[in-house]
Amino acid sequence: MEIILIQDVDNLGAAHEKVSVKHGYARNYLIPRKLAVEANAANLKQLEERKKQLKKKEEKLLAEVNKVIEVLKASPLRIGAKTGTSGKIFGSVTSIQIGRAIRDQKGYEIDRRRIQILDDVKELGLYKAKIDFGGGNETEVAFEVVAE
């Protein structure tokens, strides 16, 4: 029996996917639990429309991500840190500080878990961090650690 999955189902498929299963599995488990619908003409038409909407949404999101990447690459971030007399900083720069600097200096809110610092930041200078936006979209951002 051909069905269209409404939600992701383990060992079967992802949402908005057309799959073939046994009649009993579809009628007794998937359809009553609202995990799938029967693949008739009306439901197939809805599936195509849903896929078009998802594609438009993904394109819009990708354009927004590319805009954010351009803004982040335009100029390096400046992060202030307390330093000793030799130029070494007390503690180190964390992804939380980078996220806060992006919010304050560039105007975008980026989750700290998406930020990965590529170098060990213990002194003043220019460093790089990688930001993963998901879906294979990632960028490197330069940031400068300056004395407060």
N, C-alpha and C. Protein backbone atom coordinates (compact mmCIF):
# COMPACT_ATOMS: atom_id res chain seq x y z
N MET A 1 0.84 -1.17 0.00
CA MET A 1 0.00 0.00 0.00
C MET A 1 0.88 1.24 0.00
N GLU A 2 0.56 2.21 -0.82
CA GLU A 2 1.31 3.46 -0.90
C GLU A 2 0.74 4.45 0.11
N ILE A 3 1.64 5.06 0.91
CA ILE A 3 1.22 6.06 1.89
C ILE A 3 2.16 7.26 1.82
N ILE A 4 1.71 8.37 2.38
CA ILE A 4 2.53 9.58 2.49
C ILE A 4 2.75 9.82 3.98
N LEU A 5 4.01 9.88 4.39
CA LEU A 5 4.32 10.09 5.80
C LEU A 5 4.10 11.55 6.19
N ILE A 6 3.45 11.76 7.30
CA ILE A 6 3.22 13.10 7.82
C ILE A 6 4.35 13.49 8.76
N GLN A 7 4.87 12.50 9.51
CA GLN A 7 5.98 12.72 10.44
C GLN A 7 7.08 11.74 10.10
N ASP A 8 8.27 11.99 10.64
CA ASP A 8 9.37 11.04 10.49
C ASP A 8 9.02 9.75 11.24
N VAL A 9 9.28 8.61 10.61
CA VAL A 9 9.04 7.31 11.22
C VAL A 9 10.35 6.53 11.14
N ASP A 10 10.84 6.06 12.29
CA ASP A 10 12.08 5.30 12.33
C ASP A 10 12.00 4.08 11.43
N ASN A 11 13.07 3.79 10.74
CA ASN A 11 13.23 2.63 9.86
C ASN A 11 12.23 2.63 8.70
N LEU A 12 11.60 3.78 8.41
CA LEU A 12 10.65 3.82 7.31
C LEU A 12 10.91 5.01 6.39
N GLY A 13 10.98 6.21 6.94
CA GLY A 13 11.23 7.36 6.10
C GLY A 13 11.02 8.67 6.83
N ALA A 14 11.24 9.75 6.09
CA ALA A 14 11.11 11.09 6.65
C ALA A 14 9.74 11.67 6.30
N ALA A 15 9.41 12.75 6.95
CA ALA A 15 8.14 13.43 6.70
C ALA A 15 8.06 13.88 5.24
N HIS A 16 6.86 13.88 4.68
CA HIS A 16 6.57 14.30 3.31
C HIS A 16 7.20 13.37 2.29
N GLU A 17 7.30 12.11 2.62
CA GLU A 17 7.88 11.12 1.73
C GLU A 17 6.82 10.08 1.39
N LYS A 18 6.82 9.61 0.16
CA LYS A 18 5.88 8.58 -0.28
C LYS A 18 6.59 7.24 -0.17
N VAL A 19 5.98 6.30 0.59
CA VAL A 19 6.59 4.99 0.80
C VAL A 19 5.55 3.89 0.60
N SER A 20 6.04 2.70 0.44
CA SER A 20 5.16 1.54 0.28
C SER A 20 5.31 0.63 1.50
N VAL A 21 4.17 0.31 2.13
CA VAL A 21 4.16 -0.56 3.31
C VAL A 21 3.04 -1.58 3.17
N LYS A 22 3.01 -2.54 4.08
CA LYS A 22 1.93 -3.53 4.07
C LYS A 22 0.63 -2.89 4.54
N HIS A 23 -0.50 -3.43 4.05
CA HIS A 23 -1.81 -2.85 4.36
C HIS A 23 -2.08 -2.79 5.86
N GLY A 24 -1.79 -3.86 6.58
CA GLY A 24 -2.07 -3.91 8.02
C GLY A 24 -1.28 -2.87 8.80
N TYR A 25 -0.02 -2.70 8.44
CA TYR A 25 0.84 -1.73 9.12
C TYR A 25 0.30 -0.31 8.91
N ALA A 26 -0.15 -0.04 7.70
CA ALA A 26 -0.69 1.29 7.40
C ALA A 26 -2.03 1.50 8.10
N ARG A 27 -2.96 0.58 7.94
CA ARG A 27 -4.32 0.76 8.45
C ARG A 27 -4.40 0.65 9.98
N ASN A 28 -3.56 -0.20 10.59
CA ASN A 28 -3.67 -0.43 12.02
C ASN A 28 -2.71 0.41 12.87
N TYR A 29 -1.65 0.91 12.27
CA TYR A 29 -0.67 1.63 13.07
C TYR A 29 -0.44 3.07 12.58
N LEU A 30 0.00 3.22 11.34
CA LEU A 30 0.41 4.54 10.85
C LEU A 30 -0.74 5.53 10.71
N ILE A 31 -1.82 5.13 10.06
CA ILE A 31 -2.92 6.05 9.81
C ILE A 31 -3.66 6.42 11.10
N PRO A 32 -4.01 5.47 12.00
CA PRO A 32 -4.70 5.87 13.24
C PRO A 32 -3.88 6.78 14.15
N ARG A 33 -2.55 6.65 14.11
CA ARG A 33 -1.69 7.49 14.95
C ARG A 33 -1.32 8.80 14.25
N LYS A 34 -1.91 9.06 13.09
CA LYS A 34 -1.68 10.28 12.32
C LYS A 34 -0.21 10.45 11.94
N LEU A 35 0.44 9.33 11.66
CA LEU A 35 1.81 9.36 11.17
C LEU A 35 1.86 9.37 9.66
N ALA A 36 0.75 8.95 9.02
CA ALA A 36 0.71 8.85 7.56
C ALA A 36 -0.73 9.00 7.08
N VAL A 37 -0.84 9.27 5.78
CA VAL A 37 -2.14 9.29 5.10
C VAL A 37 -2.02 8.44 3.85
N GLU A 38 -3.16 7.99 3.36
CA GLU A 38 -3.17 7.17 2.16
C GLU A 38 -2.75 8.02 0.95
N ALA A 39 -2.01 7.41 0.03
CA ALA A 39 -1.49 8.13 -1.13
C ALA A 39 -2.51 8.12 -2.26
N ASN A 40 -3.59 8.90 -2.10
CA ASN A 40 -4.57 9.04 -3.18
C ASN A 40 -4.28 10.34 -3.94
N ALA A 41 -5.07 10.64 -4.96
CA ALA A 41 -4.80 11.80 -5.83
C ALA A 41 -4.81 13.11 -5.05
N ALA A 42 -5.79 13.30 -4.17
CA ALA A 42 -5.88 14.55 -3.41
C ALA A 42 -4.69 14.72 -2.47
N ASN A 43 -4.31 13.65 -1.78
CA ASN A 43 -3.19 13.73 -0.85
C ASN A 43 -1.87 13.94 -1.59
N LEU A 44 -1.72 13.34 -2.78
CA LEU A 44 -0.51 13.55 -3.57
C LEU A 44 -0.40 15.00 -4.02
N LYS A 45 -1.54 15.61 -4.37
CA LYS A 45 -1.55 17.02 -4.77
C LYS A 45 -1.15 17.90 -3.60
N GLN A 46 -1.66 17.60 -2.39
CA GLN A 46 -1.28 18.34 -1.19
C GLN A 46 0.21 18.18 -0.90
N LEU A 47 0.73 16.97 -1.13
CA LEU A 47 2.15 16.72 -0.90
C LEU A 47 3.00 17.59 -1.82
N GLU A 48 2.64 17.68 -3.08
CA GLU A 48 3.39 18.51 -4.02
C GLU A 48 3.35 19.98 -3.60
N GLU A 49 2.18 20.43 -3.17
CA GLU A 49 2.05 21.83 -2.73
C GLU A 49 2.90 22.08 -1.48
N ARG A 50 2.89 21.13 -0.56
CA ARG A 50 3.69 21.25 0.66
C ARG A 50 5.18 21.29 0.34
N LYS A 51 5.61 20.47 -0.64
CA LYS A 51 7.02 20.47 -1.04
C LYS A 51 7.41 21.81 -1.67
N LYS A 52 6.52 22.41 -2.46
CA LYS A 52 6.79 23.72 -3.05
C LYS A 52 6.96 24.77 -1.97
N GLN A 53 6.07 24.73 -0.96
CA GLN A 53 6.14 25.70 0.12
C GLN A 53 7.44 25.54 0.91
N LEU A 54 7.83 24.28 1.19
CA LEU A 54 9.07 24.04 1.91
C LEU A 54 10.27 24.53 1.11
N LYS A 55 10.24 24.34 -0.20
CA LYS A 55 11.34 24.79 -1.04
C LYS A 55 11.46 26.30 -1.02
N LYS A 56 10.33 27.01 -1.09
CA LYS A 56 10.34 28.47 -1.02
C LYS A 56 10.89 28.93 0.32
N LYS A 57 10.47 28.27 1.39
CA LYS A 57 10.92 28.63 2.73
C LYS A 57 12.42 28.41 2.87
N GLU A 58 12.93 27.30 2.30
CA GLU A 58 14.36 27.02 2.36
C GLU A 58 15.16 28.05 1.58
N GLU A 59 14.66 28.46 0.40
CA GLU A 59 15.35 29.46 -0.40
C GLU A 59 15.40 30.80 0.33
N LYS A 60 14.31 31.16 0.99
CA LYS A 60 14.26 32.41 1.74
C LYS A 60 15.26 32.36 2.91
N LEU A 61 15.30 31.22 3.60
CA LEU A 61 16.21 31.04 4.72
C LEU A 61 17.66 31.09 4.25
N LEU A 62 17.95 30.47 3.11
CA LEU A 62 19.30 30.46 2.55
C LEU A 62 19.75 31.88 2.19
N ALA A 63 18.85 32.66 1.61
CA ALA A 63 19.17 34.05 1.27
C ALA A 63 19.49 34.85 2.53
N GLU A 64 18.71 34.62 3.59
CA GLU A 64 18.95 35.32 4.85
C GLU A 64 20.28 34.91 5.47
N VAL A 65 20.60 33.61 5.41
CA VAL A 65 21.87 33.13 5.94
C VAL A 65 23.04 33.74 5.17
N ASN A 66 22.93 33.81 3.84
CA ASN A 66 23.99 34.41 3.03
C ASN A 66 24.18 35.88 3.36
N LYS A 67 23.09 36.59 3.64
CA LYS A 67 23.17 38.00 4.02
C LYS A 67 23.92 38.14 5.36
N VAL A 68 23.60 37.26 6.31
CA VAL A 68 24.27 37.29 7.61
C VAL A 68 25.76 36.99 7.44
N ILE A 69 26.10 36.02 6.58
CA ILE A 69 27.50 35.67 6.35
C ILE A 69 28.26 36.86 5.79
N GLU A 70 27.67 37.58 4.83
CA GLU A 70 28.33 38.76 4.26
C GLU A 70 28.58 39.82 5.31
N VAL A 71 27.60 40.06 6.18
CA VAL A 71 27.75 41.07 7.23
C VAL A 71 28.85 40.64 8.21
N LEU A 72 28.90 39.37 8.55
CA LEU A 72 29.91 38.90 9.51
C LEU A 72 31.32 38.95 8.93
N LYS A 73 31.46 38.74 7.61
CA LYS A 73 32.78 38.75 6.99
C LYS A 73 33.26 40.16 6.66
N ALA A 74 32.38 41.15 6.74
CA ALA A 74 32.72 42.51 6.33
C ALA A 74 33.89 43.09 7.15
N SER A 75 33.84 42.94 8.45
CA SER A 75 34.91 43.46 9.30
C SER A 75 35.05 42.56 10.52
N PRO A 76 36.25 42.52 11.10
CA PRO A 76 36.43 41.65 12.27
C PRO A 76 35.71 42.19 13.51
N LEU A 77 35.30 41.30 14.36
CA LEU A 77 34.68 41.67 15.63
C LEU A 77 35.76 42.13 16.59
N ARG A 78 35.42 43.01 17.50
CA ARG A 78 36.36 43.45 18.52
C ARG A 78 35.84 42.98 19.87
N ILE A 79 36.68 42.23 20.56
CA ILE A 79 36.31 41.67 21.86
C ILE A 79 37.31 42.18 22.89
N GLY A 80 36.82 42.84 23.92
CA GLY A 80 37.68 43.37 24.97
C GLY A 80 37.95 42.31 26.03
N ALA A 81 39.18 42.32 26.53
CA ALA A 81 39.56 41.38 27.58
C ALA A 81 40.54 42.06 28.53
N LYS A 82 40.50 41.68 29.78
CA LYS A 82 41.45 42.21 30.75
C LYS A 82 42.79 41.53 30.52
N THR A 83 43.85 42.34 30.53
CA THR A 83 45.18 41.79 30.22
C THR A 83 46.17 42.13 31.32
N GLY A 84 47.24 41.36 31.31
CA GLY A 84 48.36 41.63 32.19
C GLY A 84 49.35 42.54 31.48
N THR A 85 50.50 42.77 32.07
CA THR A 85 51.49 43.67 31.48
C THR A 85 52.15 43.07 30.26
N SER A 86 52.18 41.75 30.13
CA SER A 86 52.87 41.11 29.01
C SER A 86 51.96 40.89 27.80
N GLY A 87 50.70 41.30 27.87
CA GLY A 87 49.80 41.14 26.73
C GLY A 87 48.96 39.88 26.80
N LYS A 88 49.19 39.05 27.83
CA LYS A 88 48.37 37.86 27.99
C LYS A 88 47.07 38.25 28.67
N ILE A 89 45.99 37.58 28.27
CA ILE A 89 44.70 37.92 28.86
C ILE A 89 44.42 37.01 30.05
N PHE A 90 43.63 37.55 30.97
CA PHE A 90 43.21 36.75 32.12
C PHE A 90 42.07 35.86 31.67
N GLY A 91 42.20 34.56 31.78
CA GLY A 91 41.19 33.63 31.29
C GLY A 91 41.35 33.44 29.79
N SER A 92 40.25 33.26 29.08
CA SER A 92 40.30 33.13 27.63
C SER A 92 38.98 33.61 27.05
N VAL A 93 38.96 33.80 25.74
CA VAL A 93 37.75 34.23 25.05
C VAL A 93 36.91 32.99 24.77
N THR A 94 35.61 33.07 25.04
CA THR A 94 34.72 31.94 24.84
C THR A 94 33.70 32.23 23.75
N SER A 95 32.98 31.20 23.36
CA SER A 95 31.95 31.36 22.33
C SER A 95 30.82 32.27 22.82
N ILE A 96 30.61 32.33 24.12
CA ILE A 96 29.58 33.22 24.68
C ILE A 96 29.96 34.67 24.40
N GLN A 97 31.24 35.02 24.60
CA GLN A 97 31.70 36.38 24.34
C GLN A 97 31.61 36.72 22.86
N ILE A 98 31.90 35.76 21.99
CA ILE A 98 31.81 36.01 20.55
C ILE A 98 30.36 36.21 20.15
N GLY A 99 29.46 35.39 20.68
CA GLY A 99 28.04 35.55 20.40
C GLY A 99 27.52 36.90 20.86
N ARG A 100 27.97 37.35 22.02
CA ARG A 100 27.57 38.66 22.55
C ARG A 100 28.12 39.78 21.66
N ALA A 101 29.36 39.62 21.18
CA ALA A 101 29.96 40.64 20.30
C ALA A 101 29.23 40.71 18.97
N ILE A 102 28.81 39.57 18.43
CA ILE A 102 28.04 39.56 17.18
C ILE A 102 26.72 40.28 17.39
N ARG A 103 26.07 40.00 18.51
CA ARG A 103 24.79 40.65 18.81
C ARG A 103 24.96 42.16 18.94
N ASP A 104 25.99 42.60 19.67
CA ASP A 104 26.17 44.03 19.94
C ASP A 104 26.71 44.79 18.72
N GLN A 105 27.64 44.18 17.97
CA GLN A 105 28.31 44.90 16.90
C GLN A 105 27.66 44.71 15.53
N LYS A 106 27.07 43.56 15.28
CA LYS A 106 26.50 43.27 13.97
C LYS A 106 24.97 43.22 13.97
N GLY A 107 24.37 43.03 15.14
CA GLY A 107 22.91 43.05 15.24
C GLY A 107 22.24 41.72 14.97
N TYR A 108 22.98 40.62 15.02
CA TYR A 108 22.39 39.30 14.79
C TYR A 108 22.58 38.43 16.03
N GLU A 109 21.55 37.68 16.36
CA GLU A 109 21.60 36.77 17.51
C GLU A 109 22.00 35.38 17.00
N ILE A 110 23.16 34.90 17.42
CA ILE A 110 23.63 33.58 17.02
C ILE A 110 23.87 32.76 18.28
N ASP A 111 23.35 31.55 18.31
CA ASP A 111 23.48 30.67 19.46
C ASP A 111 24.95 30.31 19.67
N ARG A 112 25.40 30.34 20.92
CA ARG A 112 26.80 30.07 21.24
C ARG A 112 27.22 28.66 20.86
N ARG A 113 26.27 27.72 20.80
CA ARG A 113 26.61 26.34 20.46
C ARG A 113 26.96 26.18 18.99
N ARG A 114 26.62 27.16 18.17
CA ARG A 114 26.95 27.13 16.75
C ARG A 114 28.33 27.73 16.47
N ILE A 115 28.95 28.32 17.48
CA ILE A 115 30.24 28.99 17.33
C ILE A 115 31.34 28.09 17.86
N GLN A 116 32.37 27.89 17.01
CA GLN A 116 33.51 27.08 17.41
C GLN A 116 34.78 27.91 17.21
N ILE A 117 35.53 28.13 18.28
CA ILE A 117 36.77 28.90 18.19
C ILE A 117 37.85 27.97 17.67
N LEU A 118 38.56 28.41 16.61
CA LEU A 118 39.54 27.55 15.96
C LEU A 118 40.89 27.55 16.67
N ASP A 119 41.24 28.63 17.35
CA ASP A 119 42.53 28.71 18.03
C ASP A 119 42.31 28.86 19.53
N ASP A 120 43.37 28.59 20.31
CA ASP A 120 43.32 28.81 21.75
C ASP A 120 43.64 30.28 22.00
N VAL A 121 42.70 31.02 22.50
CA VAL A 121 42.85 32.47 22.65
C VAL A 121 43.35 32.78 24.06
N LYS A 122 44.63 33.10 24.16
CA LYS A 122 45.22 33.43 25.45
C LYS A 122 45.95 34.76 25.42
N GLU A 123 46.15 35.36 24.24
CA GLU A 123 46.86 36.63 24.10
C GLU A 123 46.06 37.58 23.23
N LEU A 124 46.46 38.83 23.22
CA LEU A 124 45.85 39.83 22.35
C LEU A 124 46.20 39.49 20.90
N GLY A 125 45.29 39.78 19.98
CA GLY A 125 45.60 39.54 18.58
C GLY A 125 44.36 39.20 17.78
N LEU A 126 44.60 38.75 16.54
CA LEU A 126 43.53 38.43 15.60
C LEU A 126 43.36 36.92 15.54
N TYR A 127 42.13 36.44 15.66
CA TYR A 127 41.83 35.01 15.66
C TYR A 127 40.63 34.73 14.76
N LYS A 128 40.33 33.45 14.58
CA LYS A 128 39.18 33.05 13.75
C LYS A 128 38.29 32.09 14.53
N ALA A 129 36.99 32.18 14.21
CA ALA A 129 36.01 31.26 14.76
C ALA A 129 35.13 30.78 13.61
N LYS A 130 34.61 29.56 13.73
CA LYS A 130 33.73 29.01 12.71
C LYS A 130 32.31 29.01 13.24
N ILE A 131 31.37 29.47 12.38
CA ILE A 131 29.96 29.47 12.75
C ILE A 131 29.23 28.54 11.80
N ASP A 132 28.51 27.57 12.37
CA ASP A 132 27.75 26.59 11.58
C ASP A 132 26.28 26.98 11.63
N PHE A 133 25.72 27.35 10.46
CA PHE A 133 24.32 27.75 10.39
C PHE A 133 23.41 26.55 10.13
N GLY A 134 23.96 25.37 9.92
CA GLY A 134 23.17 24.18 9.62
C GLY A 134 22.94 24.03 8.13
N GLY A 135 22.65 22.85 7.70
CA GLY A 135 22.40 22.59 6.28
C GLY A 135 23.62 22.78 5.41
N GLY A 136 24.81 22.62 5.96
CA GLY A 136 26.03 22.77 5.18
C GLY A 136 26.48 24.21 5.04
N ASN A 137 25.80 25.15 5.66
CA ASN A 137 26.17 26.56 5.59
C ASN A 137 27.01 26.91 6.81
N GLU A 138 28.27 27.23 6.56
CA GLU A 138 29.14 27.64 7.65
C GLU A 138 30.11 28.69 7.13
N THR A 139 30.66 29.46 8.04
CA THR A 139 31.58 30.52 7.67
C THR A 139 32.61 30.72 8.77
N GLU A 140 33.72 31.33 8.38
CA GLU A 140 34.74 31.70 9.37
C GLU A 140 34.63 33.18 9.62
N VAL A 141 34.70 33.56 10.89
CA VAL A 141 34.59 34.94 11.30
C VAL A 141 35.88 35.33 11.99
N ALA A 142 36.43 36.49 11.60
CA ALA A 142 37.63 37.00 12.25
C ALA A 142 37.21 37.83 13.46
N PHE A 143 37.97 37.70 14.55
CA PHE A 143 37.72 38.56 15.71
C PHE A 143 39.06 38.96 16.31
N GLU A 144 39.08 40.18 16.81
CA GLU A 144 40.30 40.75 17.37
C GLU A 144 40.11 40.92 18.87
N VAL A 145 41.06 40.41 19.63
CA VAL A 145 41.02 40.55 21.07
C VAL A 145 41.86 41.77 21.43
N VAL A 146 41.21 42.74 22.06
CA VAL A 146 41.88 43.98 22.43
C VAL A 146 41.82 44.16 23.94
N ALA A 147 42.75 44.97 24.47
CA ALA A 147 42.79 45.23 25.90
C ALA A 147 41.65 46.17 26.29
N GLU A 148 41.03 45.90 27.43
CA GLU A 148 39.95 46.77 27.92
C GLU A 148 40.51 47.99 28.58
